[in-house]
Protein backbone atom coordinates (compact mmCIF):
# COMPACT_ATOMS: atom_id res chain seq x y z
CA MET A 1 8.23 13.99 36.95
CA LEU A 2 5.68 16.40 38.36
CA ASP A 3 8.19 18.74 39.92
CA ILE A 4 6.11 19.18 43.41
CA GLY A 5 7.75 20.73 46.13
CA GLY A 6 7.11 20.56 49.83
CA TRP A 7 4.55 23.14 50.09
CA GLU A 8 2.63 22.12 47.09
CA PHE A 9 2.56 18.63 48.24
CA LEU A 10 1.30 19.68 51.98
CA VAL A 11 -1.54 21.79 50.09
CA VAL A 12 -2.68 18.70 47.84
CA ALA A 13 -2.50 16.49 50.94
CA PHE A 14 -4.65 18.86 52.87
CA VAL A 15 -7.35 19.11 50.23
CA LEU A 16 -7.38 15.33 49.60
CA ILE A 17 -8.10 14.86 53.25
CA MET A 18 -10.80 17.34 53.12
CA VAL A 19 -12.58 16.02 50.47
CA VAL A 20 -12.00 12.61 50.51
CA GLY A 21 -11.73 11.84 54.23
CA PRO A 22 -9.40 10.56 56.57
CA LYS A 23 -11.26 7.09 56.29
CA GLU A 24 -11.53 6.62 52.49
CA LEU A 25 -8.14 8.09 51.74
CA PRO A 26 -5.92 5.02 52.03
CA LYS A 27 -8.37 2.78 49.79
CA MET A 28 -8.31 5.85 47.17
CA LEU A 29 -4.61 5.92 47.22
CA ARG A 30 -4.32 2.03 46.83
CA GLY A 31 -6.59 2.52 43.79
CA PHE A 32 -4.83 5.42 42.45
CA THR A 33 -1.18 3.36 42.59
CA ARG A 34 -3.10 0.49 40.79
CA VAL A 35 -4.20 2.54 37.91
CA ILE A 36 -0.58 4.35 37.92
CA ARG A 37 0.75 0.67 37.35
CA GLN A 38 -1.39 -0.47 34.67
CA VAL A 39 -0.57 2.75 32.62
CA ARG A 40 2.90 2.02 33.04
CA ALA A 41 2.66 -1.67 32.35
CA MET A 42 0.58 -0.69 29.07
CA ALA A 43 3.17 1.99 28.00
CA SER A 44 6.15 -0.54 28.44
CA GLU A 45 4.45 -3.23 26.46
CA PHE A 46 3.71 -0.41 23.71
CA SER A 47 7.24 0.40 23.71
CA ARG A 48 8.24 -3.29 23.15
CA GLY A 49 5.98 -3.84 20.91
CA MET A 50 7.12 -0.96 18.60
CA GLN A 51 10.92 -1.94 19.16
CA ASN A 52 9.95 -5.31 17.99
CA ILE A 53 8.41 -4.25 14.95
CA ALA A 54 11.45 -1.85 14.22
CA ASP A 55 13.83 -5.02 14.78
CA GLU A 56 11.99 -6.96 12.46
CA ALA A 57 11.84 -4.26 9.57
CA GLU A 58 15.58 -3.83 10.06
CA LEU A 59 16.37 -7.79 10.16
CA GLY A 60 14.27 -7.95 6.84
CA GLU A 61 16.35 -4.99 5.01
CA ILE A 62 19.52 -6.94 6.29
CA LYS A 63 18.03 -10.40 5.06
CA GLY A 64 17.33 -8.76 1.79
CA THR A 65 20.65 -7.32 1.50
CA PHE A 66 22.73 -10.38 2.22
CA GLU A 67 20.47 -12.26 -0.54
CA ASN A 68 21.18 -9.83 -3.19
CA VAL A 69 24.90 -10.32 -2.21
CA LYS A 70 24.45 -14.00 -2.69
CA ARG A 71 22.98 -13.49 -5.96
CA GLY A 72 25.50 -11.05 -7.01
CA ASN A 73 23.33 -8.26 -7.47
CA LEU A 74 25.74 -5.56 -5.91
CA SER A 75 24.18 -2.72 -7.48
CA SER A 76 21.54 -2.80 -5.23
CA VAL A 77 23.61 -2.94 -2.06
CA ALA A 78 25.92 -0.03 -3.36
CA ASP A 79 22.29 1.66 -3.89
CA ALA A 80 21.37 0.80 -0.11
CA ILE A 81 24.68 2.11 1.25
CA ASP A 82 25.09 5.46 -0.78
CA PRO A 83 21.24 5.92 -2.18
CA ALA A 84 22.07 9.32 -3.50
CA GLY A 85 25.21 8.20 -5.26
CA ASP A 86 27.42 11.34 -3.84
CA PHE A 87 30.19 8.82 -2.31
CA LYS A 88 30.45 7.07 -5.89
CA GLU A 89 30.80 10.36 -7.60
CA SER A 90 33.27 11.64 -5.31
CA VAL A 91 35.39 8.64 -5.33
CA ASP A 92 35.49 8.97 -9.48
CA ASN A 93 36.57 12.65 -9.23
CA LEU A 94 39.44 11.70 -6.73
CA LYS A 95 40.43 9.21 -9.13
CA THR A 96 40.18 11.06 -12.15
CA SER A 97 42.08 13.76 -10.49
CA ALA A 98 45.12 11.40 -9.24
CA ARG A 99 45.35 10.03 -12.64
CA GLY A 100 45.84 13.71 -14.31
CA THR A 101 48.77 14.42 -12.00
CA SER A 102 52.20 12.64 -11.32
CA LEU A 103 50.52 11.07 -8.11
CA HIS A 104 49.91 7.90 -10.01
CA ASP A 105 53.38 7.61 -11.12
CA ASP A 106 54.66 8.50 -7.81
CA VAL A 107 52.61 5.59 -6.39
CA GLU A 108 54.02 3.30 -8.92
CA GLU A 109 57.58 4.14 -8.21
CA ILE A 110 56.94 3.58 -4.53
CA LYS A 111 55.56 0.15 -5.09
CA ASP A 112 58.77 -0.37 -7.22
CA LEU A 113 61.22 0.67 -4.58
CA ALA A 114 59.09 -1.31 -1.69
CA GLY A 115 59.73 -4.45 -4.08
CA THR A 116 63.32 -3.75 -4.73
CA THR A 117 63.92 -2.82 -0.64
CA GLY A 118 62.07 -5.88 0.38
CA ASP A 119 64.54 -8.18 -1.89
CA GLY A 120 67.46 -6.37 -0.29
CA ILE A 121 66.38 -7.13 3.29
CA VAL A 122 65.99 -10.70 2.38
CA GLU A 123 69.65 -10.89 1.15
CA THR A 124 71.03 -8.80 3.97
CA VAL A 125 69.16 -11.29 6.61
CA ASN A 126 70.25 -14.37 4.69
CA LYS A 127 73.87 -13.33 4.14
CA PRO A 128 75.99 -14.83 6.86
CA SER A 129 77.74 -12.17 9.08
CA SER A 130 81.15 -11.94 10.37
CA ALA A 131 80.23 -13.26 14.01
CA ASP A 132 78.59 -16.23 12.05
CA ASN A 133 81.63 -17.04 10.63
CA GLN A 134 83.63 -16.95 13.84
CA LYS A 135 80.92 -19.20 15.50
CA ASN A 136 81.36 -21.82 12.55
CA SER A 137 85.08 -21.93 12.71
CA ILE A 138 85.04 -22.15 16.46
CA ALA A 139 82.40 -25.14 16.23
CA ASN A 140 83.99 -27.10 13.31
CA PRO A 141 87.20 -27.78 15.30
CA ILE A 142 85.29 -29.34 18.29
CA ALA A 143 82.70 -31.45 15.68
CA LYS A 144 86.05 -32.64 14.07
CA SER A 145 87.63 -33.67 17.20
CA ARG A 146 84.67 -35.62 18.24
CA SER A 147 84.58 -37.46 15.26
């Protein structure tokens, strides 16, 4: 805090003993520590008060944003998220550049392939295998003999 070394502390202690005197020094140090405690308590109270004010202000902003969402006023929410509108412009630029290239067609082709591939997987999973046929042929004679 004050960055006082050993020698500086000895000099300050010697000056205090000479100025205040050895009898009054303990009383003076107790008073000094009381004042320091009060200053620290006031500083922490001030910090807590400022933090509470900041939290209330943020809470008010969040409540207002939720009210706007409930009302369906999404433009104010978008303004709160991106006040300068830079993000919206960059997304719009990406959309137009993607439409200008064959990227849009490629994405559609991938969607179509994924749909047909998914159907093929379902057919493969549902189609009985040769191992299933062997199990059924073994199980059927046992089931027929029991009945």
